[in-house]
Amino acid sequence: MNLTAKEMNVLCAFHAGTLSETICRLRKKADEAEPPETKVIVKSLIDMLLTMKDGEAVSLSFTSEE
């Protein structure tokens, strides 16, 4: 799974050791995340992480637009 730099930043900030614990932590913070742009990223990240399969890696994706 490729993430943008902003998504990776949020993932690193809320990483909790396991995928399920990280998703749980993100869900707890989703509604109180600031600024509003971060709230959108958190909710999108939760959706992406819910689709991950066992052993799937997360990597940082670079684009010229961001």
PDB file of N, CA and C in Angstrom:
ATOM      1  N   MET A   1       0.847  -1.159   0.000  1.00  0.00           N
ATOM      2  CA  MET A   1       0.000   0.000   0.000  1.00  0.00           C
ATOM      3  C   MET A   1       0.898   1.230   0.000  1.00  0.00           C
ATOM      4  N   ASN A   2       0.662   2.141  -0.920  1.00  0.00           N
ATOM      5  CA  ASN A   2       1.414   3.390  -0.999  1.00  0.00           C
ATOM      6  C   ASN A   2       0.657   4.506  -0.301  1.00  0.00           C
ATOM      7  N   LEU A   3       1.369   5.270   0.507  1.00  0.00           N
ATOM      8  CA  LEU A   3       0.794   6.405   1.207  1.00  0.00           C
ATOM      9  C   LEU A   3       1.498   7.681   0.798  1.00  0.00           C
ATOM     10  N   THR A   4       0.778   8.794   0.883  1.00  0.00           N
ATOM     11  CA  THR A   4       1.408  10.090   0.668  1.00  0.00           C
ATOM     12  C   THR A   4       2.217  10.438   1.919  1.00  0.00           C
ATOM     13  N   ALA A   5       3.026  11.460   1.831  1.00  0.00           N
ATOM     14  CA  ALA A   5       3.821  11.895   2.983  1.00  0.00           C
ATOM     15  C   ALA A   5       2.915  12.291   4.147  1.00  0.00           C
ATOM     16  N   LYS A   6       1.803  12.953   3.864  1.00  0.00           N
ATOM     17  CA  LYS A   6       0.876  13.368   4.919  1.00  0.00           C
ATOM     18  C   LYS A   6       0.220  12.161   5.585  1.00  0.00           C
ATOM     19  N   GLU A   7      -0.170  11.174   4.776  1.00  0.00           N
ATOM     20  CA  GLU A   7      -0.759   9.957   5.331  1.00  0.00           C
ATOM     21  C   GLU A   7       0.255   9.206   6.185  1.00  0.00           C
ATOM     22  N   MET A   8       1.484   9.115   5.706  1.00  0.00           N
ATOM     23  CA  MET A   8       2.531   8.418   6.451  1.00  0.00           C
ATOM     24  C   MET A   8       2.815   9.134   7.767  1.00  0.00           C
ATOM     25  N   ASN A   9       2.798  10.451   7.740  1.00  0.00           N
ATOM     26  CA  ASN A   9       3.015  11.235   8.957  1.00  0.00           C
ATOM     27  C   ASN A   9       1.951  10.915  10.008  1.00  0.00           C
ATOM     28  N   VAL A  10       0.691  10.861   9.588  1.00  0.00           N
ATOM     29  CA  VAL A  10      -0.400  10.535  10.503  1.00  0.00           C
ATOM     30  C   VAL A  10      -0.245   9.101  10.999  1.00  0.00           C
ATOM     31  N   LEU A  11       0.087   8.181  10.114  1.00  0.00           N
ATOM     32  CA  LEU A  11       0.257   6.784  10.509  1.00  0.00           C
ATOM     33  C   LEU A  11       1.364   6.649  11.551  1.00  0.00           C
ATOM     34  N   CYS A  12       2.474   7.318  11.341  1.00  0.00           N
ATOM     35  CA  CYS A  12       3.582   7.258  12.302  1.00  0.00           C
ATOM     36  C   CYS A  12       3.181   7.854  13.651  1.00  0.00           C
ATOM     37  N   ALA A  13       2.417   8.924  13.618  1.00  0.00           N
ATOM     38  CA  ALA A  13       2.007   9.583  14.854  1.00  0.00           C
ATOM     39  C   ALA A  13       1.067   8.717  15.688  1.00  0.00           C
ATOM     40  N   PHE A  14       0.263   7.893  15.042  1.00  0.00           N
ATOM     41  CA  PHE A  14      -0.736   7.099  15.755  1.00  0.00           C
ATOM     42  C   PHE A  14      -0.440   5.604  15.759  1.00  0.00           C
ATOM     43  N   HIS A  15       0.725   5.204  15.270  1.00  0.00           N
ATOM     44  CA  HIS A  15       1.091   3.786  15.246  1.00  0.00           C
ATOM     45  C   HIS A  15       1.056   3.231  16.662  1.00  0.00           C
ATOM     46  N   ALA A  16       0.472   2.039  16.811  1.00  0.00           N
ATOM     47  CA  ALA A  16       0.312   1.450  18.150  1.00  0.00           C
ATOM     48  C   ALA A  16       0.861   0.027  18.222  1.00  0.00           C
ATOM     49  N   GLY A  17       1.746  -0.343  17.312  1.00  0.00           N
ATOM     50  CA  GLY A  17       2.383  -1.652  17.381  1.00  0.00           C
ATOM     51  C   GLY A  17       1.761  -2.711  16.498  1.00  0.00           C
ATOM     52  N   THR A  18       0.443  -2.778  16.465  1.00  0.00           N
ATOM     53  CA  THR A  18      -0.237  -3.739  15.596  1.00  0.00           C
ATOM     54  C   THR A  18      -1.227  -2.991  14.715  1.00  0.00           C
ATOM     55  N   LEU A  19      -1.623  -3.647  13.645  1.00  0.00           N
ATOM     56  CA  LEU A  19      -2.591  -3.031  12.731  1.00  0.00           C
ATOM     57  C   LEU A  19      -3.905  -2.747  13.455  1.00  0.00           C
ATOM     58  N   SER A  20      -4.408  -3.727  14.195  1.00  0.00           N
ATOM     59  CA  SER A  20      -5.706  -3.532  14.858  1.00  0.00           C
ATOM     60  C   SER A  20      -5.647  -2.440  15.925  1.00  0.00           C
ATOM     61  N   GLU A  21      -4.569  -2.369  16.680  1.00  0.00           N
ATOM     62  CA  GLU A  21      -4.430  -1.323  17.696  1.00  0.00           C
ATOM     63  C   GLU A  21      -4.253   0.050  17.058  1.00  0.00           C
ATOM     64  N   THR A  22      -3.560   0.096  15.943  1.00  0.00           N
ATOM     65  CA  THR A  22      -3.374   1.371  15.234  1.00  0.00           C
ATOM     66  C   THR A  22      -4.715   1.869  14.704  1.00  0.00           C
ATOM     67  N   ILE A  23      -5.509   0.988  14.125  1.00  0.00           N
ATOM     68  CA  ILE A  23      -6.835   1.368  13.635  1.00  0.00           C
ATOM     69  C   ILE A  23      -7.698   1.849  14.798  1.00  0.00           C
ATOM     70  N   CYS A  24      -7.630   1.156  15.916  1.00  0.00           N
ATOM     71  CA  CYS A  24      -8.396   1.555  17.102  1.00  0.00           C
ATOM     72  C   CYS A  24      -8.000   2.953  17.563  1.00  0.00           C
ATOM     73  N   ARG A  25      -6.702   3.214  17.619  1.00  0.00           N
ATOM     74  CA  ARG A  25      -6.219   4.534  18.037  1.00  0.00           C
ATOM     75  C   ARG A  25      -6.653   5.612  17.052  1.00  0.00           C
ATOM     76  N   LEU A  26      -6.571   5.323  15.757  1.00  0.00           N
ATOM     77  CA  LEU A  26      -7.002   6.287  14.738  1.00  0.00           C
ATOM     78  C   LEU A  26      -8.489   6.578  14.857  1.00  0.00           C
ATOM     79  N   ARG A  27      -9.296   5.550  15.113  1.00  0.00           N
ATOM     80  CA  ARG A  27     -10.744   5.752  15.259  1.00  0.00           C
ATOM     81  C   ARG A  27     -11.042   6.673  16.438  1.00  0.00           C
ATOM     82  N   LYS A  28     -10.305   6.510  17.535  1.00  0.00           N
ATOM     83  CA  LYS A  28     -10.515   7.344  18.717  1.00  0.00           C
ATOM     84  C   LYS A  28     -10.173   8.807  18.436  1.00  0.00           C
ATOM     85  N   LYS A  29      -9.200   9.038  17.578  1.00  0.00           N
ATOM     86  CA  LYS A  29      -8.737  10.397  17.292  1.00  0.00           C
ATOM     87  C   LYS A  29      -9.392  11.015  16.063  1.00  0.00           C
ATOM     88  N   ALA A  30     -10.131  10.251  15.298  1.00  0.00           N
ATOM     89  CA  ALA A  30     -10.664  10.719  14.009  1.00  0.00           C
ATOM     90  C   ALA A  30     -11.488  11.993  14.118  1.00  0.00           C
ATOM     91  N   ASP A  31     -12.376  12.059  15.087  1.00  0.00           N
ATOM     92  CA  ASP A  31     -13.270  13.214  15.173  1.00  0.00           C
ATOM     93  C   ASP A  31     -12.633  14.443  15.801  1.00  0.00           C
ATOM     94  N   GLU A  32     -11.565  14.262  16.556  1.00  0.00           N
ATOM     95  CA  GLU A  32     -10.933  15.414  17.201  1.00  0.00           C
ATOM     96  C   GLU A  32      -9.651  15.873  16.511  1.00  0.00           C
ATOM     97  N   ALA A  33      -9.315  15.249  15.391  1.00  0.00           N
ATOM     98  CA  ALA A  33      -8.095  15.618  14.667  1.00  0.00           C
ATOM     99  C   ALA A  33      -8.194  17.043  14.137  1.00  0.00           C
ATOM    100  N   GLU A  34      -7.118  17.771  14.255  1.00  0.00           N
ATOM    101  CA  GLU A  34      -7.030  19.146  13.745  1.00  0.00           C
ATOM    102  C   GLU A  34      -5.722  19.306  12.990  1.00  0.00           C
ATOM    103  N   PRO A  35      -5.683  20.085  11.957  1.00  0.00           N
ATOM    104  CA  PRO A  35      -6.741  20.858  11.309  1.00  0.00           C
ATOM    105  C   PRO A  35      -7.718  19.932  10.568  1.00  0.00           C
ATOM    106  N   PRO A  36      -8.795  20.473  10.018  1.00  0.00           N
ATOM    107  CA  PRO A  36      -9.798  19.659   9.324  1.00  0.00           C
ATOM    108  C   PRO A  36      -9.205  18.753   8.233  1.00  0.00           C
ATOM    109  N   GLU A  37      -8.159  19.218   7.580  1.00  0.00           N
ATOM    110  CA  GLU A  37      -7.503  18.396   6.550  1.00  0.00           C
ATOM    111  C   GLU A  37      -6.976  17.096   7.160  1.00  0.00           C
ATOM    112  N   THR A  38      -6.474  17.168   8.380  1.00  0.00           N
ATOM    113  CA  THR A  38      -5.950  15.985   9.054  1.00  0.00           C
ATOM    114  C   THR A  38      -7.082  15.013   9.363  1.00  0.00           C
ATOM    115  N   LYS A  39      -8.247  15.527   9.702  1.00  0.00           N
ATOM    116  CA  LYS A  39      -9.411  14.680   9.971  1.00  0.00           C
ATOM    117  C   LYS A  39      -9.759  13.841   8.744  1.00  0.00           C
ATOM    118  N   VAL A  40      -9.707  14.457   7.571  1.00  0.00           N
ATOM    119  CA  VAL A  40      -9.986  13.750   6.319  1.00  0.00           C
ATOM    120  C   VAL A  40      -8.935  12.674   6.085  1.00  0.00           C
ATOM    121  N   ILE A  41      -7.677  12.997   6.338  1.00  0.00           N
ATOM    122  CA  ILE A  41      -6.589  12.039   6.151  1.00  0.00           C
ATOM    123  C   ILE A  41      -6.749  10.860   7.105  1.00  0.00           C
ATOM    124  N   VAL A  42      -7.077  11.131   8.358  1.00  0.00           N
ATOM    125  CA  VAL A  42      -7.246  10.058   9.353  1.00  0.00           C
ATOM    126  C   VAL A  42      -8.353   9.108   8.918  1.00  0.00           C
ATOM    127  N   LYS A  43      -9.487   9.642   8.515  1.00  0.00           N
ATOM    128  CA  LYS A  43     -10.607   8.794   8.109  1.00  0.00           C
ATOM    129  C   LYS A  43     -10.270   7.989   6.858  1.00  0.00           C
ATOM    130  N   SER A  44      -9.581   8.587   5.910  1.00  0.00           N
ATOM    131  CA  SER A  44      -9.159   7.885   4.705  1.00  0.00           C
ATOM    132  C   SER A  44      -8.146   6.790   5.043  1.00  0.00           C
ATOM    133  N   LEU A  45      -7.233   7.095   5.938  1.00  0.00           N
ATOM    134  CA  LEU A  45      -6.218   6.136   6.356  1.00  0.00           C
ATOM    135  C   LEU A  45      -6.863   4.923   7.031  1.00  0.00           C
ATOM    136  N   ILE A  46      -7.857   5.153   7.856  1.00  0.00           N
ATOM    137  CA  ILE A  46      -8.582   4.044   8.496  1.00  0.00           C
ATOM    138  C   ILE A  46      -9.168   3.129   7.423  1.00  0.00           C
ATOM    139  N   ASP A  47      -9.821   3.711   6.424  1.00  0.00           N
ATOM    140  CA  ASP A  47     -10.415   2.919   5.345  1.00  0.00           C
ATOM    141  C   ASP A  47      -9.355   2.093   4.615  1.00  0.00           C
ATOM    142  N   MET A  48      -8.206   2.704   4.342  1.00  0.00           N
ATOM    143  CA  MET A  48      -7.133   1.981   3.657  1.00  0.00           C
ATOM    144  C   MET A  48      -6.591   0.844   4.507  1.00  0.00           C
ATOM    145  N   LEU A  49      -6.366   1.119   5.796  1.00  0.00           N
ATOM    146  CA  LEU A  49      -5.802   0.095   6.674  1.00  0.00           C
ATOM    147  C   LEU A  49      -6.770  -1.075   6.870  1.00  0.00           C
ATOM    148  N   LEU A  50      -8.043  -0.813   6.826  1.00  0.00           N
ATOM    149  CA  LEU A  50      -9.035  -1.889   6.969  1.00  0.00           C
ATOM    150  C   LEU A  50      -8.993  -2.876   5.804  1.00  0.00           C
ATOM    151  N   THR A  51      -8.432  -2.458   4.668  1.00  0.00           N
ATOM    152  CA  THR A  51      -8.360  -3.339   3.493  1.00  0.00           C
ATOM    153  C   THR A  51      -7.034  -4.079   3.399  1.00  0.00           C
ATOM    154  N   MET A  52      -6.111  -3.815   4.323  1.00  0.00           N
ATOM    155  CA  MET A  52      -4.800  -4.463   4.270  1.00  0.00           C
ATOM    156  C   MET A  52      -4.918  -5.960   4.524  1.00  0.00           C
ATOM    157  N   LYS A  53      -4.076  -6.704   3.821  1.00  0.00           N
ATOM    158  CA  LYS A  53      -4.012  -8.143   3.997  1.00  0.00           C
ATOM    159  C   LYS A  53      -2.784  -8.485   4.841  1.00  0.00           C
ATOM    160  N   ASP A  54      -2.791  -9.648   5.464  1.00  0.00           N
ATOM    161  CA  ASP A  54      -1.662 -10.111   6.261  1.00  0.00           C
ATOM    162  C   ASP A  54      -0.362 -10.034   5.471  1.00  0.00           C
ATOM    163  N   GLY A  55       0.650  -9.431   6.048  1.00  0.00           N
ATOM    164  CA  GLY A  55       1.961  -9.349   5.425  1.00  0.00           C
ATOM    165  C   GLY A  55       2.130  -8.230   4.408  1.00  0.00           C
ATOM    166  N   GLU A  56       1.080  -7.490   4.136  1.00  0.00           N
ATOM    167  CA  GLU A  56       1.158  -6.384   3.179  1.00  0.00           C
ATOM    168  C   GLU A  56       1.964  -5.243   3.791  1.00  0.00           C
ATOM    169  N   ALA A  57       2.796  -4.627   2.987  1.00  0.00           N
ATOM    170  CA  ALA A  57       3.657  -3.545   3.459  1.00  0.00           C
ATOM    171  C   ALA A  57       3.048  -2.187   3.131  1.00  0.00           C
ATOM    172  N   VAL A  58       3.428  -1.208   3.941  1.00  0.00           N
ATOM    173  CA  VAL A  58       3.046   0.181   3.715  1.00  0.00           C
ATOM    174  C   VAL A  58       4.315   0.911   3.305  1.00  0.00           C
ATOM    175  N   SER A  59       4.220   1.705   2.244  1.00  0.00           N
ATOM    176  CA  SER A  59       5.391   2.456   1.807  1.00  0.00           C
ATOM    177  C   SER A  59       5.007   3.890   1.474  1.00  0.00           C
ATOM    178  N   LEU A  60       6.005   4.723   1.418  1.00  0.00           N
ATOM    179  CA  LEU A  60       5.820   6.141   1.132  1.00  0.00           C
ATOM    180  C   LEU A  60       5.884   6.361  -0.366  1.00  0.00           C
ATOM    181  N   SER A  61       4.918   7.072  -0.896  1.00  0.00           N
ATOM    182  CA  SER A  61       4.839   7.345  -2.330  1.00  0.00           C
ATOM    183  C   SER A  61       5.083   8.833  -2.567  1.00  0.00           C
ATOM    184  N   PHE A  62       5.991   9.143  -3.457  1.00  0.00           N
ATOM    185  CA  PHE A  62       6.305  10.526  -3.786  1.00  0.00           C
ATOM    186  C   PHE A  62       5.633  10.925  -5.083  1.00  0.00           C
ATOM    187  N   THR A  63       5.054  12.130  -5.104  1.00  0.00           N
ATOM    188  CA  THR A  63       4.492  12.681  -6.339  1.00  0.00           C
ATOM    189  C   THR A  63       4.969  14.111  -6.493  1.00  0.00           C
ATOM    190  N   SER A  64       4.933  14.608  -7.701  1.00  0.00           N
ATOM    191  CA  SER A  64       5.380  15.971  -7.941  1.00  0.00           C
ATOM    192  C   SER A  64       4.290  16.985  -7.591  1.00  0.00           C
ATOM    193  N   GLU A  65       3.056  16.520  -7.378  1.00  0.00           N
ATOM    194  CA  GLU A  65       1.938  17.407  -7.092  1.00  0.00           C
ATOM    195  C   GLU A  65       1.827  17.777  -5.624  1.00  0.00           C
ATOM    196  N   GLU A  66       2.448  17.023  -4.750  1.00  0.00           N
ATOM    197  CA  GLU A  66       2.270  17.259  -3.310  1.00  0.00           C
ATOM    198  C   GLU A  66       3.413  18.010  -2.710  1.00  0.00           C
TER     199      GLU A  66
END
